[in-house]
Structures are given as structure tokens and as C-alpha cells.
Amino acid sequence: MVRLEPMDERHFDQTFKWLAVSADLRAQTDTMDVPTPGGNRCYWRRNLLDKSREDYAIVTEDGRHVGNCGLNRIDRQRSKAEMWIYLGQDYGTGTGGAALRLLLDHAFDGLGLGRVSLRVVEGNHRAVAFYLRAGFKIEGCARADTVRDGRSIDSTLMSILKHEHCGKRKGRGP
């Protein structure tokens, strides 16, 4: 259904367009300001040099770039990483779930990690429900974790362990 391609220059313009036009997406991804084309390119080029990150474009079978995801703060010694994911289009089609499974398979099987965590900013109830369905557990609340419209807001902290993901995967069949 989808594949993950390592993020590169080919994906920068589409990513910029999604964030530039959607205040909702910027709020979900905790992006503070409307990006500029140059700022967006600089951000991604800097990320691509960071060895503690792996960033991916979510690409459909027909080659459309529909979202992005990745792992950051990859700590192989402690067997953990933080993840992030968003779609710029194709909501509600199963694309996000398929990409999440691929990313977690890579984290647990490819990188040999034991834990993947994330944070969801306040008000993004759809994302919390999505991650709960995928097997994540709520760990708590990061109080006054970020700022939106000049006021402090909280984030929900969530994680999934390797055996929780692999156990769900085994129950799905081939």
C-alpha cells in the first residue's frame, strides 16, 4: 500500500506546501510559524546531517508523496527512539496506519530497538486514538510542553515496546 523512502531534496517542496497551507497540520506537528521555502529546506538539510535521526517520505504505490515520518533521538545503547508521523493528504485511507507499521517494523526489527515513544500536542484527539489502536500506551502528560497562540499547552506522552508491537503483528497474519 505504501513505502517509506529516505527523505531527500525531492520531498522538500511538497512538505513545504502542506505546512504552508494548513494551520491544523502546523498545530499537530508543533510547528511554531508558517514556514518559508528557504527555511524549510534549511530545516530538512540540517536534519539529514543528524546521525541520531532517520526521516522518511511516505509514498503510495503509484508514487505519490503523501506524508512524512521518522525516528529521532535514536539511542541504540539504550534501545530507544522517538517517532513522528503526519500525512499531508490521503487521510482516512489506511495510509497512516500502514506507514506507522512500516516505521515500527524498522525501529524494532531493523534497528533492534526495544522502545519507541512520541508526544501528541493538546487537542489532537484523533492522533491519540490512532496511536492507542496501534498498541501505544499513554504514559502521562508533559505539562506546559509547548506554546500555541501565546499560551502554554500540554502534550500526551505515549510509547510502545517491541513485544507489544510484535505481538500485535503476529496476530494480523502474513
Foldseek 3Di string as FASTA:
>chain_A
DKDWDFDDPVCQVVVLVLQQPDPVVCVFVVPADNDDSVRSVVVVVVQVVDPQKTKTFIADPVGDGFWIKIWGNRDLVQQETEIDIDTSDDPPPCSRVVVVLVRLCCSCVVSVGFKYKYKTWPPPVVVVVVVVVQQKDWDAKDFQPHDDPHDGTIITIIMHTNCRNVVVVVVVPD
